[in-house]
Amino acid sequence: MNFAIMTVFIIPFYIAIPAIILYFVIKFAVKNAMKELKQENNL
């Protein structure tokens, strides 16, 4: 019974942590892409 209760609490973290990491990686990539596009347009 204890194991089942622990699993219910662990599974959301197992899904959420990679999702949060992906969010920040994509956000950083988009930010850099926008910066590069602005620089290219200025040249």
PDB file of N, CA and C in Angstrom:
ATOM      1  N   MET A   1       0.832  -1.208   0.000  1.00  0.00           N
ATOM      2  CA  MET A   1       0.000   0.000   0.000  1.00  0.00           C
ATOM      3  C   MET A   1       0.869   1.263   0.000  1.00  0.00           C
ATOM      4  N   ASN A   2       1.914   1.271   0.813  1.00  0.00           N
ATOM      5  CA  ASN A   2       2.802   2.428   0.848  1.00  0.00           C
ATOM      6  C   ASN A   2       3.439   2.692  -0.505  1.00  0.00           C
ATOM      7  N   PHE A   3       3.840   1.614  -1.183  1.00  0.00           N
ATOM      8  CA  PHE A   3       4.493   1.753  -2.491  1.00  0.00           C
ATOM      9  C   PHE A   3       3.552   2.399  -3.501  1.00  0.00           C
ATOM     10  N   ALA A   4       2.271   2.026  -3.464  1.00  0.00           N
ATOM     11  CA  ALA A   4       1.289   2.594  -4.392  1.00  0.00           C
ATOM     12  C   ALA A   4       1.108   4.088  -4.132  1.00  0.00           C
ATOM     13  N   ILE A   5       1.074   4.471  -2.872  1.00  0.00           N
ATOM     14  CA  ILE A   5       0.915   5.891  -2.534  1.00  0.00           C
ATOM     15  C   ILE A   5       2.141   6.680  -2.988  1.00  0.00           C
ATOM     16  N   MET A   6       3.338   6.125  -2.777  1.00  0.00           N
ATOM     17  CA  MET A   6       4.561   6.797  -3.218  1.00  0.00           C
ATOM     18  C   MET A   6       4.580   6.943  -4.741  1.00  0.00           C
ATOM     19  N   THR A   7       4.129   5.928  -5.454  1.00  0.00           N
ATOM     20  CA  THR A   7       4.115   5.965  -6.914  1.00  0.00           C
ATOM     21  C   THR A   7       3.207   7.078  -7.420  1.00  0.00           C
ATOM     22  N   VAL A   8       2.062   7.262  -6.765  1.00  0.00           N
ATOM     23  CA  VAL A   8       1.127   8.319  -7.162  1.00  0.00           C
ATOM     24  C   VAL A   8       1.793   9.693  -7.042  1.00  0.00           C
ATOM     25  N   PHE A   9       2.667   9.879  -6.043  1.00  0.00           N
ATOM     26  CA  PHE A   9       3.346  11.161  -5.882  1.00  0.00           C
ATOM     27  C   PHE A   9       4.571  11.285  -6.781  1.00  0.00           C
ATOM     28  N   ILE A  10       5.233  10.166  -7.105  1.00  0.00           N
ATOM     29  CA  ILE A  10       6.464  10.217  -7.908  1.00  0.00           C
ATOM     30  C   ILE A  10       6.161  10.399  -9.394  1.00  0.00           C
ATOM     31  N   ILE A  11       5.117   9.775  -9.905  1.00  0.00           N
ATOM     32  CA  ILE A  11       4.828   9.826 -11.349  1.00  0.00           C
ATOM     33  C   ILE A  11       4.652  11.264 -11.853  1.00  0.00           C
ATOM     34  N   PRO A  12       3.913  12.139 -11.185  1.00  0.00           N
ATOM     35  CA  PRO A  12       3.817  13.524 -11.691  1.00  0.00           C
ATOM     36  C   PRO A  12       5.177  14.212 -11.797  1.00  0.00           C
ATOM     37  N   PHE A  13       6.075  13.985 -10.825  1.00  0.00           N
ATOM     38  CA  PHE A  13       7.410  14.576 -10.899  1.00  0.00           C
ATOM     39  C   PHE A  13       8.193  13.975 -12.060  1.00  0.00           C
ATOM     40  N   TYR A  14       8.016  12.673 -12.282  1.00  0.00           N
ATOM     41  CA  TYR A  14       8.710  11.960 -13.361  1.00  0.00           C
ATOM     42  C   TYR A  14       8.306  12.536 -14.712  1.00  0.00           C
ATOM     43  N   ILE A  15       7.076  13.038 -14.808  1.00  0.00           N
ATOM     44  CA  ILE A  15       6.590  13.643 -16.063  1.00  0.00           C
ATOM     45  C   ILE A  15       6.895  15.144 -16.079  1.00  0.00           C
ATOM     46  N   ALA A  16       6.720  15.816 -14.957  1.00  0.00           N
ATOM     47  CA  ALA A  16       6.808  17.289 -14.920  1.00  0.00           C
ATOM     48  C   ALA A  16       8.236  17.792 -15.060  1.00  0.00           C
ATOM     49  N   ILE A  17       9.194  17.126 -14.428  1.00  0.00           N
ATOM     50  CA  ILE A  17      10.572  17.638 -14.448  1.00  0.00           C
ATOM     51  C   ILE A  17      11.125  17.668 -15.876  1.00  0.00           C
ATOM     52  N   PRO A  18      11.029  16.591 -16.678  1.00  0.00           N
ATOM     53  CA  PRO A  18      11.489  16.701 -18.072  1.00  0.00           C
ATOM     54  C   PRO A  18      10.699  17.742 -18.865  1.00  0.00           C
ATOM     55  N   ALA A  19       9.407  17.893 -18.590  1.00  0.00           N
ATOM     56  CA  ALA A  19       8.599  18.889 -19.295  1.00  0.00           C
ATOM     57  C   ALA A  19       9.099  20.295 -18.981  1.00  0.00           C
ATOM     58  N   ILE A  20       9.434  20.557 -17.729  1.00  0.00           N
ATOM     59  CA  ILE A  20       9.945  21.879 -17.335  1.00  0.00           C
ATOM     60  C   ILE A  20      11.296  22.132 -17.993  1.00  0.00           C
ATOM     61  N   ILE A  21      12.166  21.119 -18.010  1.00  0.00           N
ATOM     62  CA  ILE A  21      13.477  21.261 -18.640  1.00  0.00           C
ATOM     63  C   ILE A  21      13.304  21.541 -20.128  1.00  0.00           C
ATOM     64  N   LEU A  22      12.421  20.791 -20.788  1.00  0.00           N
ATOM     65  CA  LEU A  22      12.162  21.021 -22.214  1.00  0.00           C
ATOM     66  C   LEU A  22      11.653  22.437 -22.447  1.00  0.00           C
ATOM     67  N   TYR A  23      10.766  22.908 -21.594  1.00  0.00           N
ATOM     68  CA  TYR A  23      10.212  24.260 -21.730  1.00  0.00           C
ATOM     69  C   TYR A  23      11.325  25.300 -21.725  1.00  0.00           C
ATOM     70  N   PHE A  24      12.250  25.189 -20.757  1.00  0.00           N
ATOM     71  CA  PHE A  24      13.316  26.177 -20.676  1.00  0.00           C
ATOM     72  C   PHE A  24      14.296  26.052 -21.833  1.00  0.00           C
ATOM     73  N   VAL A  25      14.578  24.829 -22.298  1.00  0.00           N
ATOM     74  CA  VAL A  25      15.479  24.641 -23.440  1.00  0.00           C
ATOM     75  C   VAL A  25      14.870  25.268 -24.693  1.00  0.00           C
ATOM     76  N   ILE A  26      13.585  25.025 -24.920  1.00  0.00           N
ATOM     77  CA  ILE A  26      12.910  25.584 -26.106  1.00  0.00           C
ATOM     78  C   ILE A  26      12.850  27.107 -25.995  1.00  0.00           C
ATOM     79  N   LYS A  27      12.535  27.617 -24.805  1.00  0.00           N
ATOM     80  CA  LYS A  27      12.469  29.059 -24.593  1.00  0.00           C
ATOM     81  C   LYS A  27      13.818  29.706 -24.892  1.00  0.00           C
ATOM     82  N   PHE A  28      14.897  29.078 -24.410  1.00  0.00           N
ATOM     83  CA  PHE A  28      16.245  29.603 -24.647  1.00  0.00           C
ATOM     84  C   PHE A  28      16.583  29.563 -26.135  1.00  0.00           C
ATOM     85  N   ALA A  29      16.217  28.480 -26.816  1.00  0.00           N
ATOM     86  CA  ALA A  29      16.503  28.344 -28.242  1.00  0.00           C
ATOM     87  C   ALA A  29      15.754  29.397 -29.054  1.00  0.00           C
ATOM     88  N   VAL A  30      14.502  29.627 -28.720  1.00  0.00           N
ATOM     89  CA  VAL A  30      13.705  30.626 -29.442  1.00  0.00           C
ATOM     90  C   VAL A  30      14.284  32.020 -29.200  1.00  0.00           C
ATOM     91  N   LYS A  31      14.686  32.296 -27.967  1.00  0.00           N
ATOM     92  CA  LYS A  31      15.265  33.591 -27.633  1.00  0.00           C
ATOM     93  C   LYS A  31      16.534  33.839 -28.454  1.00  0.00           C
ATOM     94  N   ASN A  32      17.392  32.817 -28.538  1.00  0.00           N
ATOM     95  CA  ASN A  32      18.619  32.952 -29.323  1.00  0.00           C
ATOM     96  C   ASN A  32      18.313  33.098 -30.803  1.00  0.00           C
ATOM     97  N   ALA A  33      17.334  32.363 -31.302  1.00  0.00           N
ATOM     98  CA  ALA A  33      16.972  32.459 -32.716  1.00  0.00           C
ATOM     99  C   ALA A  33      16.468  33.857 -33.041  1.00  0.00           C
ATOM    100  N   MET A  34      15.658  34.432 -32.171  1.00  0.00           N
ATOM    101  CA  MET A  34      15.150  35.783 -32.395  1.00  0.00           C
ATOM    102  C   MET A  34      16.314  36.783 -32.408  1.00  0.00           C
ATOM    103  N   LYS A  35      17.258  36.595 -31.485  1.00  0.00           N
ATOM    104  CA  LYS A  35      18.408  37.494 -31.409  1.00  0.00           C
ATOM    105  C   LYS A  35      19.231  37.422 -32.701  1.00  0.00           C
ATOM    106  N   GLU A  36      19.453  36.189 -33.212  1.00  0.00           N
ATOM    107  CA  GLU A  36      20.216  36.016 -34.447  1.00  0.00           C
ATOM    108  C   GLU A  36      19.485  36.627 -35.636  1.00  0.00           C
ATOM    109  N   LEU A  37      18.179  36.449 -35.697  1.00  0.00           N
ATOM    110  CA  LEU A  37      17.412  37.025 -36.804  1.00  0.00           C
ATOM    111  C   LEU A  37      17.488  38.543 -36.791  1.00  0.00           C
ATOM    112  N   LYS A  38      17.412  39.135 -35.593  1.00  0.00           N
ATOM    113  CA  LYS A  38      17.506  40.593 -35.485  1.00  0.00           C
ATOM    114  C   LYS A  38      18.876  41.069 -35.979  1.00  0.00           C
ATOM    115  N   GLN A  39      19.935  40.352 -35.609  1.00  0.00           N
ATOM    116  CA  GLN A  39      21.286  40.730 -36.019  1.00  0.00           C
ATOM    117  C   GLN A  39      21.425  40.628 -37.537  1.00  0.00           C
ATOM    118  N   GLU A  40      20.880  39.567 -38.147  1.00  0.00           N
ATOM    119  CA  GLU A  40      20.976  39.389 -39.588  1.00  0.00           C
ATOM    120  C   GLU A  40      20.218  40.501 -40.327  1.00  0.00           C
ATOM    121  N   ASN A  41      19.071  40.892 -39.797  1.00  0.00           N
ATOM    122  CA  ASN A  41      18.290  41.949 -40.423  1.00  0.00           C
ATOM    123  C   ASN A  41      19.025  43.292 -40.352  1.00  0.00           C
ATOM    124  N   ASN A  42      19.756  43.519 -39.273  1.00  0.00           N
ATOM    125  CA  ASN A  42      20.503  44.769 -39.129  1.00  0.00           C
ATOM    126  C   ASN A  42      21.654  44.838 -40.111  1.00  0.00           C
ATOM    127  N   LEU A  43      22.273  43.692 -40.411  1.00  0.00           N
ATOM    128  CA  LEU A  43      23.376  43.674 -41.378  1.00  0.00           C
ATOM    129  C   LEU A  43      22.798  43.894 -42.762  1.00  0.00           C
TER     130      LEU A  43
END
